[in-house]
Amino acid sequence: MPTALQHAFAPSGTLRASINTGNPILAKAVGTTATGVSVDLAHRLADALDLPIELVVFSTASHSVQAVEQSQADIGFFAVDPLRGQQIAFTWPYVLIEGAYMVQEGSPIENNAAVDVSGHRVIVGKGTAYDLFLTRHLKQATIHRVDSSQAVVQAFLAGEGEVAAGVKQQLIVDSINHSSLKLLEGRFMVIEQAMGVHKSRGPEASAFLRQFVERAKAEGFIAAALDRHQINGAGIGKEADPTEDPLSHLS
């Protein structure tokens, strides 16, 4: 492994991986560390670079992103988004997750199209992928931000909004635990989970990371990790077109 590439990824000599445990599809907290698909990928990358690894664990997406933006971590696992892409070079997605809406049983809001209406408050986790997406796309409804994804349903049950937005799998669990809640059919977005490195680390680092993720998908590593961690309902990112940028299709 070229020393220059190792230094680009890990100037300290240790690869620091930013892990967000706020999305249980990809990582879960275990004491002061974490386990999950993104953790498995972090260890695989460290092995590929022949570097030791340190997990830098956060409970929210926004803090996980900030760690890479502020050089407190070297690589991270994020939903692809144009705002984040100002500083972070993304791979193509390795996992696809649906964003969905939840309402109270008996709500007059019966489908996704009925959400964006004046007077409706949509509760989101601050700085999440669906917060960034809905901030751009909702024109009439207002967004009510809470500290984390985990706090969305509590705020919704407390009457702080008419709609809760979040990762579909987690909302399904919440609807099972609370019979007064139901999911609207379909999805309002596909959350594209990718790896990322700060653009200042150079084009060789970002190119290596993109190739690394494509190999992990092609070799079945992602599928095996999802199965190993018993994650259902998440798709695997399609094979990437190397001539396109991962942000090119987003608005």
C-alpha atoms as a PDB file:
ATOM      1  CA  MET A   1       0.000   0.000   0.000  1.00  0.00           C
ATOM      2  CA  PRO A   2       1.539   3.364  -1.045  1.00  0.00           C
ATOM      3  CA  THR A   3       2.619   5.420   1.961  1.00  0.00           C
ATOM      4  CA  ALA A   4       1.179   8.577   0.361  1.00  0.00           C
ATOM      5  CA  LEU A   5      -2.289   7.027   0.192  1.00  0.00           C
ATOM      6  CA  GLN A   6      -2.097   5.821   3.781  1.00  0.00           C
ATOM      7  CA  HIS A   7      -1.105   9.334   4.887  1.00  0.00           C
ATOM      8  CA  ALA A   8      -3.942  10.887   2.860  1.00  0.00           C
ATOM      9  CA  PHE A   9      -6.494   8.763   4.685  1.00  0.00           C
ATOM     10  CA  ALA A  10      -4.844   8.748   8.114  1.00  0.00           C
ATOM     11  CA  PRO A  11      -2.348  11.548   8.779  1.00  0.00           C
ATOM     12  CA  SER A  12      -2.178  10.438  12.430  1.00  0.00           C
ATOM     13  CA  GLY A  13      -1.238   6.897  11.431  1.00  0.00           C
ATOM     14  CA  THR A  14      -4.591   5.494  12.604  1.00  0.00           C
ATOM     15  CA  LEU A  15      -7.723   5.448  10.460  1.00  0.00           C
ATOM     16  CA  ARG A  16     -10.429   7.239  12.458  1.00  0.00           C
ATOM     17  CA  ALA A  17     -13.891   6.155  11.318  1.00  0.00           C
ATOM     18  CA  SER A  18     -16.889   8.334  12.198  1.00  0.00           C
ATOM     19  CA  ILE A  19     -19.811   6.057  13.120  1.00  0.00           C
ATOM     20  CA  ASN A  20     -23.405   7.262  13.514  1.00  0.00           C
ATOM     21  CA  THR A  21     -25.449   5.032  15.812  1.00  0.00           C
ATOM     22  CA  GLY A  22     -28.546   7.186  15.273  1.00  0.00           C
ATOM     23  CA  ASN A  23     -29.396   5.010  12.270  1.00  0.00           C
ATOM     24  CA  PRO A  24     -29.814   1.470  13.631  1.00  0.00           C
ATOM     25  CA  ILE A  25     -29.922   0.064  10.105  1.00  0.00           C
ATOM     26  CA  LEU A  26     -26.185   0.729   9.797  1.00  0.00           C
ATOM     27  CA  ALA A  27     -24.784   0.852  13.340  1.00  0.00           C
ATOM     28  CA  LYS A  28     -25.807   0.325  16.948  1.00  0.00           C
ATOM     29  CA  ALA A  29     -24.074   1.507  20.087  1.00  0.00           C
ATOM     30  CA  VAL A  30     -22.422  -1.160  22.222  1.00  0.00           C
ATOM     31  CA  GLY A  31     -21.057   0.530  25.320  1.00  0.00           C
ATOM     32  CA  THR A  32     -18.523   3.098  24.120  1.00  0.00           C
ATOM     33  CA  THR A  33     -18.101   1.435  20.729  1.00  0.00           C
ATOM     34  CA  ALA A  34     -20.461   0.209  18.005  1.00  0.00           C
ATOM     35  CA  THR A  35     -21.402  -2.699  15.786  1.00  0.00           C
ATOM     36  CA  GLY A  36     -23.101  -2.915  12.408  1.00  0.00           C
ATOM     37  CA  VAL A  37     -22.668  -2.770   8.652  1.00  0.00           C
ATOM     38  CA  SER A  38     -20.762   0.521   8.651  1.00  0.00           C
ATOM     39  CA  VAL A  39     -18.437  -0.761  11.377  1.00  0.00           C
ATOM     40  CA  ASP A  40     -17.711  -3.862   9.310  1.00  0.00           C
ATOM     41  CA  LEU A  41     -16.913  -1.672   6.308  1.00  0.00           C
ATOM     42  CA  ALA A  42     -14.632   0.540   8.400  1.00  0.00           C
ATOM     43  CA  HIS A  43     -12.602  -2.461   9.522  1.00  0.00           C
ATOM     44  CA  ARG A  44     -12.434  -3.780   5.952  1.00  0.00           C
ATOM     45  CA  LEU A  45     -11.109  -0.426   4.727  1.00  0.00           C
ATOM     46  CA  ALA A  46      -8.484  -0.306   7.472  1.00  0.00           C
ATOM     47  CA  ASP A  47      -7.348  -3.784   6.434  1.00  0.00           C
ATOM     48  CA  ALA A  48      -7.196  -2.715   2.783  1.00  0.00           C
ATOM     49  CA  LEU A  49      -5.052   0.285   3.720  1.00  0.00           C
ATOM     50  CA  ASP A  50      -2.962  -1.760   6.177  1.00  0.00           C
ATOM     51  CA  LEU A  51      -3.765   0.715   8.955  1.00  0.00           C
ATOM     52  CA  PRO A  52      -4.942   0.405  12.568  1.00  0.00           C
ATOM     53  CA  ILE A  53      -8.462   1.682  13.168  1.00  0.00           C
ATOM     54  CA  GLU A  54     -10.243   3.804  15.759  1.00  0.00           C
ATOM     55  CA  LEU A  55     -14.028   4.146  15.874  1.00  0.00           C
ATOM     56  CA  VAL A  56     -15.269   7.647  16.684  1.00  0.00           C
ATOM     57  CA  VAL A  57     -18.873   7.041  17.704  1.00  0.00           C
ATOM     58  CA  PHE A  58     -21.702   9.598  17.593  1.00  0.00           C
ATOM     59  CA  SER A  59     -25.417   9.308  18.295  1.00  0.00           C
ATOM     60  CA  THR A  60     -26.542  11.703  15.539  1.00  0.00           C
ATOM     61  CA  ALA A  61     -25.855  12.086  11.828  1.00  0.00           C
ATOM     62  CA  SER A  62     -25.031  15.786  12.103  1.00  0.00           C
ATOM     63  CA  HIS A  63     -22.246  15.215  14.627  1.00  0.00           C
ATOM     64  CA  SER A  64     -20.897  12.324  12.580  1.00  0.00           C
ATOM     65  CA  VAL A  65     -20.714  14.542   9.484  1.00  0.00           C
ATOM     66  CA  GLN A  66     -19.124  17.408  11.421  1.00  0.00           C
ATOM     67  CA  ALA A  67     -16.388  15.088  12.668  1.00  0.00           C
ATOM     68  CA  VAL A  68     -15.199  14.468   9.102  1.00  0.00           C
ATOM     69  CA  GLU A  69     -15.719  18.084   8.039  1.00  0.00           C
ATOM     70  CA  GLN A  70     -13.639  19.292  11.002  1.00  0.00           C
ATOM     71  CA  SER A  71     -10.935  16.588  10.704  1.00  0.00           C
ATOM     72  CA  GLN A  72     -11.899  14.896  13.962  1.00  0.00           C
ATOM     73  CA  ALA A  73     -12.336  11.720  11.896  1.00  0.00           C
ATOM     74  CA  ASP A  74     -10.891  10.573   8.587  1.00  0.00           C
ATOM     75  CA  ILE A  75     -13.781   8.753   6.931  1.00  0.00           C
ATOM     76  CA  GLY A  76     -17.485   8.384   7.600  1.00  0.00           C
ATOM     77  CA  PHE A  77     -20.760   6.781   6.597  1.00  0.00           C
ATOM     78  CA  PHE A  78     -23.428   9.239   5.499  1.00  0.00           C
ATOM     79  CA  ALA A  79     -26.490   9.682   3.360  1.00  0.00           C
ATOM     80  CA  VAL A  80     -25.474  11.386   0.134  1.00  0.00           C
ATOM     81  CA  ASP A  81     -26.638  14.999   0.089  1.00  0.00           C
ATOM     82  CA  PRO A  82     -25.607  18.099  -1.916  1.00  0.00           C
ATOM     83  CA  LEU A  83     -25.049  20.209   1.220  1.00  0.00           C
ATOM     84  CA  ARG A  84     -22.737  17.619   2.742  1.00  0.00           C
ATOM     85  CA  GLY A  85     -21.084  17.228  -0.643  1.00  0.00           C
ATOM     86  CA  GLN A  86     -19.656  20.739  -0.454  1.00  0.00           C
ATOM     87  CA  GLN A  87     -16.840  19.386   1.715  1.00  0.00           C
ATOM     88  CA  ILE A  88     -17.150  15.603   1.534  1.00  0.00           C
ATOM     89  CA  ALA A  89     -16.319  13.390  -1.465  1.00  0.00           C
ATOM     90  CA  PHE A  90     -18.872  10.569  -1.526  1.00  0.00           C
ATOM     91  CA  THR A  91     -18.756   7.071  -2.906  1.00  0.00           C
ATOM     92  CA  TRP A  92     -21.737   5.683  -4.719  1.00  0.00           C
ATOM     93  CA  PRO A  93     -24.236   4.261  -2.197  1.00  0.00           C
ATOM     94  CA  TYR A  94     -23.705   0.844  -0.710  1.00  0.00           C
ATOM     95  CA  VAL A  95     -27.113   0.662   1.028  1.00  0.00           C
ATOM     96  CA  LEU A  96     -30.491   2.150   0.072  1.00  0.00           C
ATOM     97  CA  ILE A  97     -33.036   2.974   2.781  1.00  0.00           C
ATOM     98  CA  GLU A  98     -36.533   4.413   2.428  1.00  0.00           C
ATOM     99  CA  GLY A  99     -37.698   7.575   4.138  1.00  0.00           C
ATOM    100  CA  ALA A 100     -41.343   7.398   5.233  1.00  0.00           C
ATOM    101  CA  TYR A 101     -44.044   9.413   6.983  1.00  0.00           C
ATOM    102  CA  MET A 102     -45.993   8.427  10.094  1.00  0.00           C
ATOM    103  CA  VAL A 103     -49.313   9.874  11.290  1.00  0.00           C
ATOM    104  CA  GLN A 104     -51.820   9.196  14.025  1.00  0.00           C
ATOM    105  CA  GLU A 105     -54.615   6.697  13.388  1.00  0.00           C
ATOM    106  CA  GLY A 106     -57.601   8.694  12.204  1.00  0.00           C
ATOM    107  CA  SER A 107     -55.463  11.509  10.800  1.00  0.00           C
ATOM    108  CA  PRO A 108     -56.985  13.279   7.766  1.00  0.00           C
ATOM    109  CA  ILE A 109     -53.551  12.947   6.132  1.00  0.00           C
ATOM    110  CA  GLU A 110     -54.019   9.766   4.103  1.00  0.00           C
ATOM    111  CA  ASN A 111     -51.116   9.819   1.652  1.00  0.00           C
ATOM    112  CA  ASN A 112     -47.695  11.392   1.086  1.00  0.00           C
ATOM    113  CA  ALA A 113     -49.055  14.056  -1.260  1.00  0.00           C
ATOM    114  CA  ALA A 114     -51.292  15.389   1.533  1.00  0.00           C
ATOM    115  CA  VAL A 115     -48.358  16.135   3.852  1.00  0.00           C
ATOM    116  CA  ASP A 116     -47.103  19.325   2.226  1.00  0.00           C
ATOM    117  CA  VAL A 117     -50.017  21.539   3.263  1.00  0.00           C
ATOM    118  CA  SER A 118     -49.966  24.813   5.158  1.00  0.00           C
ATOM    119  CA  GLY A 119     -50.479  24.216   8.871  1.00  0.00           C
ATOM    120  CA  HIS A 120     -48.873  20.777   8.926  1.00  0.00           C
ATOM    121  CA  ARG A 121     -45.770  20.352  11.077  1.00  0.00           C
ATOM    122  CA  VAL A 122     -43.365  17.588  10.059  1.00  0.00           C
ATOM    123  CA  ILE A 123     -41.081  16.354  12.834  1.00  0.00           C
ATOM    124  CA  VAL A 124     -37.539  15.382  11.779  1.00  0.00           C
ATOM    125  CA  GLY A 125     -34.215  14.609  13.414  1.00  0.00           C
ATOM    126  CA  LYS A 126     -32.026  17.686  13.071  1.00  0.00           C
ATOM    127  CA  GLY A 127     -29.328  17.360  10.420  1.00  0.00           C
ATOM    128  CA  THR A 128     -30.498  13.969   9.150  1.00  0.00           C
ATOM    129  CA  ALA A 129     -30.663  13.132   5.457  1.00  0.00           C
ATOM    130  CA  TYR A 130     -34.438  13.427   5.470  1.00  0.00           C
ATOM    131  CA  ASP A 131     -34.226  16.805   7.248  1.00  0.00           C
ATOM    132  CA  LEU A 132     -31.937  18.116   4.478  1.00  0.00           C
ATOM    133  CA  PHE A 133     -34.151  16.620   1.769  1.00  0.00           C
ATOM    134  CA  LEU A 134     -37.445  17.904   3.175  1.00  0.00           C
ATOM    135  CA  THR A 135     -35.938  21.339   3.801  1.00  0.00           C
ATOM    136  CA  ARG A 136     -35.424  21.589   0.048  1.00  0.00           C
ATOM    137  CA  HIS A 137     -38.678  19.983  -1.060  1.00  0.00           C
ATOM    138  CA  LEU A 138     -41.481  20.933   1.344  1.00  0.00           C
ATOM    139  CA  LYS A 139     -43.049  24.189   0.183  1.00  0.00           C
ATOM    140  CA  GLN A 140     -46.029  24.725   2.523  1.00  0.00           C
ATOM    141  CA  ALA A 141     -45.667  22.460   5.567  1.00  0.00           C
ATOM    142  CA  THR A 142     -43.233  23.542   8.268  1.00  0.00           C
ATOM    143  CA  ILE A 143     -40.387  21.450   9.651  1.00  0.00           C
ATOM    144  CA  HIS A 144     -40.075  20.886  13.385  1.00  0.00           C
ATOM    145  CA  ARG A 145     -36.550  19.714  14.252  1.00  0.00           C
ATOM    146  CA  VAL A 146     -35.696  17.649  17.311  1.00  0.00           C
ATOM    147  CA  ASP A 147     -32.261  16.710  18.592  1.00  0.00           C
ATOM    148  CA  SER A 148     -32.010  13.252  17.044  1.00  0.00           C
ATOM    149  CA  SER A 149     -33.820  10.591  15.029  1.00  0.00           C
ATOM    150  CA  GLN A 150     -34.532   8.740  18.255  1.00  0.00           C
ATOM    151  CA  ALA A 151     -36.455  11.764  19.600  1.00  0.00           C
ATOM    152  CA  VAL A 152     -38.823  12.057  16.616  1.00  0.00           C
ATOM    153  CA  VAL A 153     -41.511   9.644  17.784  1.00  0.00           C
ATOM    154  CA  GLN A 154     -41.435  10.936  21.376  1.00  0.00           C
ATOM    155  CA  ALA A 155     -42.014  14.471  20.063  1.00  0.00           C
ATOM    156  CA  PHE A 156     -44.776  13.202  17.789  1.00  0.00           C
ATOM    157  CA  LEU A 157     -46.538  11.411  20.635  1.00  0.00           C
ATOM    158  CA  ALA A 158     -46.239  14.616  22.666  1.00  0.00           C
ATOM    159  CA  GLY A 159     -48.248  16.441  20.003  1.00  0.00           C
ATOM    160  CA  GLU A 160     -45.462  18.553  18.548  1.00  0.00           C
ATOM    161  CA  GLY A 161     -46.474  17.857  14.943  1.00  0.00           C
ATOM    162  CA  GLU A 162     -48.987  16.279  12.590  1.00  0.00           C
ATOM    163  CA  VAL A 163     -46.450  14.073  10.775  1.00  0.00           C
ATOM    164  CA  ALA A 164     -43.292  12.234  11.809  1.00  0.00           C
ATOM    165  CA  ALA A 165     -40.602  11.571   9.200  1.00  0.00           C
ATOM    166  CA  GLY A 166     -37.849   9.007   9.447  1.00  0.00           C
ATOM    167  CA  VAL A 167     -36.218   5.783   8.326  1.00  0.00           C
ATOM    168  CA  LYS A 168     -39.008   3.399   7.321  1.00  0.00           C
ATOM    169  CA  GLN A 169     -37.712   0.374   9.237  1.00  0.00           C
ATOM    170  CA  GLN A 170     -37.495   2.305  12.493  1.00  0.00           C
ATOM    171  CA  LEU A 171     -40.955   3.827  12.028  1.00  0.00           C
ATOM    172  CA  ILE A 172     -42.378   0.354  11.434  1.00  0.00           C
ATOM    173  CA  VAL A 173     -41.005  -0.722  14.812  1.00  0.00           C
ATOM    174  CA  ASP A 174     -42.476   2.393  16.425  1.00  0.00           C
ATOM    175  CA  SER A 175     -45.891   1.747  14.868  1.00  0.00           C
ATOM    176  CA  ILE A 176     -45.851  -1.789  16.255  1.00  0.00           C
ATOM    177  CA  ASN A 177     -45.015  -0.478  19.723  1.00  0.00           C
ATOM    178  CA  HIS A 178     -47.686   2.246  19.568  1.00  0.00           C
ATOM    179  CA  SER A 179     -51.006   1.100  18.123  1.00  0.00           C
ATOM    180  CA  SER A 180     -52.181   4.703  17.724  1.00  0.00           C
ATOM    181  CA  LEU A 181     -49.581   5.307  14.993  1.00  0.00           C
ATOM    182  CA  LYS A 182     -49.554   4.251  11.348  1.00  0.00           C
ATOM    183  CA  LEU A 183     -47.229   4.640   8.368  1.00  0.00           C
ATOM    184  CA  LEU A 184     -48.394   6.242   5.161  1.00  0.00           C
ATOM    185  CA  GLU A 185     -47.951   3.966   2.165  1.00  0.00           C
ATOM    186  CA  GLY A 186     -44.887   4.336  -0.002  1.00  0.00           C
ATOM    187  CA  ARG A 187     -41.896   6.584   0.611  1.00  0.00           C
ATOM    188  CA  PHE A 188     -41.018  10.228   0.214  1.00  0.00           C
ATOM    189  CA  MET A 189     -37.339   9.590  -0.593  1.00  0.00           C
ATOM    190  CA  VAL A 190     -34.647   6.968  -0.999  1.00  0.00           C
ATOM    191  CA  ILE A 191     -31.837   7.551   1.481  1.00  0.00           C
ATOM    192  CA  GLU A 192     -28.572   6.657  -0.253  1.00  0.00           C
ATOM    193  CA  GLN A 193     -26.013   5.593   2.331  1.00  0.00           C
ATOM    194  CA  ALA A 194     -22.418   6.009   1.179  1.00  0.00           C
ATOM    195  CA  MET A 195     -18.900   6.363   2.518  1.00  0.00           C
ATOM    196  CA  GLY A 196     -17.179   9.725   2.475  1.00  0.00           C
ATOM    197  CA  VAL A 197     -13.802  11.385   2.920  1.00  0.00           C
ATOM    198  CA  HIS A 198     -12.985  15.097   3.151  1.00  0.00           C
ATOM    199  CA  LYS A 199     -12.162  16.560  -0.254  1.00  0.00           C
ATOM    200  CA  SER A 200      -8.955  18.008   1.147  1.00  0.00           C
ATOM    201  CA  ARG A 201      -7.554  14.459   1.369  1.00  0.00           C
ATOM    202  CA  GLY A 202      -7.156  14.548  -2.396  1.00  0.00           C
ATOM    203  CA  PRO A 203      -8.560  12.842  -5.524  1.00  0.00           C
ATOM    204  CA  GLU A 204      -6.514   9.667  -5.023  1.00  0.00           C
ATOM    205  CA  ALA A 205      -8.168   9.047  -1.639  1.00  0.00           C
ATOM    206  CA  SER A 206     -11.691   9.638  -2.945  1.00  0.00           C
ATOM    207  CA  ALA A 207     -11.049   7.454  -6.004  1.00  0.00           C
ATOM    208  CA  PHE A 208      -9.675   4.638  -3.841  1.00  0.00           C
ATOM    209  CA  LEU A 209     -12.691   4.855  -1.532  1.00  0.00           C
ATOM    210  CA  ARG A 210     -15.134   4.662  -4.445  1.00  0.00           C
ATOM    211  CA  GLN A 211     -13.351   1.616  -5.843  1.00  0.00           C
ATOM    212  CA  PHE A 212     -13.302   0.040  -2.389  1.00  0.00           C
ATOM    213  CA  VAL A 213     -17.101   0.353  -2.008  1.00  0.00           C
ATOM    214  CA  GLU A 214     -17.729  -1.011  -5.502  1.00  0.00           C
ATOM    215  CA  ARG A 215     -15.587  -4.059  -4.724  1.00  0.00           C
ATOM    216  CA  ALA A 216     -17.409  -4.578  -1.422  1.00  0.00           C
ATOM    217  CA  LYS A 217     -20.750  -4.598  -3.258  1.00  0.00           C
ATOM    218  CA  ALA A 218     -19.553  -6.792  -6.123  1.00  0.00           C
ATOM    219  CA  GLU A 219     -17.956  -9.363  -3.813  1.00  0.00           C
ATOM    220  CA  GLY A 220     -21.111  -9.720  -1.708  1.00  0.00           C
ATOM    221  CA  PHE A 221     -19.608  -8.151   1.412  1.00  0.00           C
ATOM    222  CA  ILE A 222     -22.505  -5.696   1.886  1.00  0.00           C
ATOM    223  CA  ALA A 223     -25.168  -8.356   1.433  1.00  0.00           C
ATOM    224  CA  ALA A 224     -23.394 -10.638   3.900  1.00  0.00           C
ATOM    225  CA  ALA A 225     -23.065  -7.825   6.452  1.00  0.00           C
ATOM    226  CA  LEU A 226     -26.772  -6.970   6.225  1.00  0.00           C
ATOM    227  CA  ASP A 227     -27.603 -10.622   6.746  1.00  0.00           C
ATOM    228  CA  ARG A 228     -25.135 -11.020   9.598  1.00  0.00           C
ATOM    229  CA  HIS A 229     -26.635  -8.056  11.470  1.00  0.00           C
ATOM    230  CA  GLN A 230     -30.200  -9.189  10.662  1.00  0.00           C
ATOM    231  CA  ILE A 231     -31.111  -6.023   8.777  1.00  0.00           C
ATOM    232  CA  ASN A 232     -34.285  -6.365   6.701  1.00  0.00           C
ATOM    233  CA  GLY A 233     -35.778  -4.019   4.137  1.00  0.00           C
ATOM    234  CA  ALA A 234     -32.555  -2.302   3.052  1.00  0.00           C
ATOM    235  CA  GLY A 235     -31.441  -2.527  -0.553  1.00  0.00           C
ATOM    236  CA  ILE A 236     -27.918  -2.640  -1.927  1.00  0.00           C
ATOM    237  CA  GLY A 237     -26.721   0.216  -4.113  1.00  0.00           C
ATOM    238  CA  LYS A 238     -26.564  -0.608  -7.807  1.00  0.00           C
ATOM    239  CA  GLU A 239     -23.296  -0.879  -9.685  1.00  0.00           C
ATOM    240  CA  ALA A 240     -21.925   2.621 -10.195  1.00  0.00           C
ATOM    241  CA  ASP A 241     -21.163   4.383 -13.455  1.00  0.00           C
ATOM    242  CA  PRO A 242     -17.564   5.539 -12.890  1.00  0.00           C
ATOM    243  CA  THR A 243     -18.050   8.477 -15.264  1.00  0.00           C
ATOM    244  CA  GLU A 244     -20.765  10.045 -13.083  1.00  0.00           C
ATOM    245  CA  ASP A 245     -20.580  11.889  -9.794  1.00  0.00           C
ATOM    246  CA  PRO A 246     -22.593  10.431  -6.866  1.00  0.00           C
ATOM    247  CA  LEU A 247     -24.299  13.814  -6.418  1.00  0.00           C
ATOM    248  CA  SER A 248     -25.210  14.345 -10.073  1.00  0.00           C
ATOM    249  CA  HIS A 249     -28.787  13.020  -9.811  1.00  0.00           C
ATOM    250  CA  LEU A 250     -29.712  14.800  -6.566  1.00  0.00           C
ATOM    251  CA  SER A 251     -31.500  18.101  -6.214  1.00  0.00           C
END
